[in-house]
């Protein structure tokens, strides 16, 4: 879980809970709740701040598994074409990838909870 990952990396970097909380601009109690998985679904902004302080990328904290796609459904092709028509360049998509991956991770967490 994300809290265990944050705790492990924080300890490895030699940071105290207080130091990480202060540098990530959040309360020590909130960070503690994340590390203990009492809050196992922090916002992307919070997760990005923690990742930045720890010197890791967001993917490391949320453990995204990249799965190859063999084909695109027509609705996805339509979506991509609409993005192109609206002026979104391919290079800009990388900026949105982190947000998309975070949403995917949140959906997986919600599914895990509903299956528990």
Protein backbone atom coordinates (compact mmCIF):
# COMPACT_ATOMS: atom_id res chain seq x y z
CA UNK A 1 0.00 0.00 0.00
CA UNK A 2 1.05 3.59 -0.53
CA UNK A 3 1.56 4.30 3.18
CA UNK A 4 3.95 1.41 3.63
CA UNK A 5 5.88 2.54 0.56
CA UNK A 6 6.14 6.12 1.85
CA UNK A 7 7.24 4.90 5.28
CA UNK A 8 9.92 2.61 3.82
CA UNK A 9 11.35 5.30 1.51
CA UNK A 10 11.22 7.94 4.27
CA UNK A 11 13.19 5.69 6.64
CA UNK A 12 15.67 4.81 3.87
CA UNK A 13 16.25 8.54 3.24
CA UNK A 14 16.77 9.13 6.97
CA UNK A 15 13.84 11.52 7.35
CA UNK A 16 11.65 11.73 10.42
CA UNK A 17 7.89 11.91 10.12
CA UNK A 18 8.07 15.54 11.23
CA UNK A 19 10.70 16.44 8.63
CA UNK A 20 8.78 14.89 5.76
CA UNK A 21 5.51 16.47 6.89
CA UNK A 22 7.10 19.91 7.18
CA UNK A 23 8.87 19.71 3.81
CA UNK A 24 5.70 18.40 2.11
CA UNK A 25 3.67 21.18 3.76
CA UNK A 26 1.21 18.98 5.64
CA UNK A 27 0.46 18.09 9.22
CA UNK A 28 2.42 15.37 10.91
CA UNK A 29 -0.81 13.62 11.96
CA UNK A 30 -2.11 13.58 8.37
CA UNK A 31 1.15 12.09 7.09
CA UNK A 32 1.09 9.57 9.93
CA UNK A 33 -2.42 8.51 8.92
CA UNK A 34 -1.25 8.02 5.34
CA UNK A 35 1.75 5.95 6.44
CA UNK A 36 -0.42 3.79 8.69
CA UNK A 37 -2.93 3.35 5.85
CA UNK A 38 -5.69 5.02 7.85
CA UNK A 39 -5.91 7.35 4.87
CA UNK A 40 -5.01 5.10 1.95
CA UNK A 41 -6.33 7.37 -0.79
CA UNK A 42 -4.53 10.72 -0.55
CA UNK A 43 -5.06 13.30 -3.29
CA UNK A 44 -2.69 13.50 -6.24
CA UNK A 45 -1.42 16.86 -5.00
CA UNK A 46 -0.50 15.42 -1.60
CA UNK A 47 1.07 12.34 -3.17
CA UNK A 48 3.10 14.46 -5.60
CA UNK A 49 4.39 16.67 -2.75
CA UNK A 50 5.46 13.61 -0.77
CA UNK A 51 7.12 12.08 -3.84
CA UNK A 52 8.99 15.34 -4.54
CA UNK A 53 10.35 15.54 -1.00
CA UNK A 54 11.35 11.88 -1.07
CA UNK A 55 13.03 12.38 -4.44
CA UNK A 56 11.01 9.69 -6.21
CA UNK A 57 8.45 9.83 -8.97
CA UNK A 58 4.74 9.39 -8.38
CA UNK A 59 4.78 5.96 -10.06
CA UNK A 60 7.16 4.65 -7.40
CA UNK A 61 4.72 5.54 -4.62
CA UNK A 62 1.57 4.24 -6.25
CA UNK A 63 3.25 1.23 -7.91
CA UNK A 64 1.63 1.60 -11.32
CA UNK A 65 1.86 -1.50 -13.43
CA UNK A 66 2.24 -0.67 -17.11
CA UNK A 67 0.37 -3.13 -19.26
CA UNK A 68 0.83 -3.15 -23.03
CA UNK A 69 -2.22 -2.39 -25.12
CA UNK A 70 -2.67 -4.48 -28.25
CA UNK A 71 -5.43 -2.45 -29.87
CA UNK A 72 -7.51 0.62 -29.35
CA UNK A 73 -11.27 0.56 -29.25
CA UNK A 74 -12.97 2.91 -31.69
CA UNK A 75 -14.22 5.17 -28.89
CA UNK A 76 -10.63 5.70 -27.74
CA UNK A 77 -9.54 6.51 -31.27
CA UNK A 78 -12.40 8.99 -31.46
CA UNK A 79 -11.28 10.52 -28.14
CA UNK A 80 -7.70 10.91 -29.38
CA UNK A 81 -8.93 12.49 -32.62
CA UNK A 82 -11.04 14.94 -30.61
CA UNK A 83 -7.99 15.87 -28.55
CA UNK A 84 -6.04 16.52 -31.74
CA UNK A 85 -8.85 18.64 -33.17
CA UNK A 86 -8.98 20.70 -29.98
CA UNK A 87 -5.29 21.56 -30.38
CA UNK A 88 -3.75 19.20 -27.82
CA UNK A 89 -0.31 18.15 -29.04
CA UNK A 90 1.15 14.70 -28.47
CA UNK A 91 3.92 16.21 -26.34
CA UNK A 92 1.30 17.66 -23.99
CA UNK A 93 -0.22 14.25 -23.30
CA UNK A 94 2.76 13.36 -21.14
CA UNK A 95 1.70 16.13 -18.78
CA UNK A 96 -1.69 14.49 -18.33
CA UNK A 97 -0.38 10.95 -18.03
CA UNK A 98 0.42 11.34 -14.33
CA UNK A 99 -3.14 12.45 -13.62
CA UNK A 100 -4.59 9.59 -15.69
CA UNK A 101 -2.38 7.05 -13.93
CA UNK A 102 -3.39 8.49 -10.56
CA UNK A 103 -7.09 8.14 -11.44
CA UNK A 104 -6.41 4.54 -12.49
CA UNK A 105 -4.70 3.90 -9.15
CA UNK A 106 -7.62 5.45 -7.24
CA UNK A 107 -10.08 3.26 -9.16
CA UNK A 108 -8.05 0.17 -8.31
CA UNK A 109 -8.01 1.15 -4.62
CA UNK A 110 -11.78 1.69 -4.65
CA UNK A 111 -12.28 -1.69 -6.33
CA UNK A 112 -10.04 -3.36 -3.74
CA UNK A 113 -12.13 -1.83 -0.94
CA UNK A 114 -15.40 -2.94 -2.50
CA UNK A 115 -14.08 -6.50 -2.85
CA UNK A 116 -13.05 -6.60 0.82
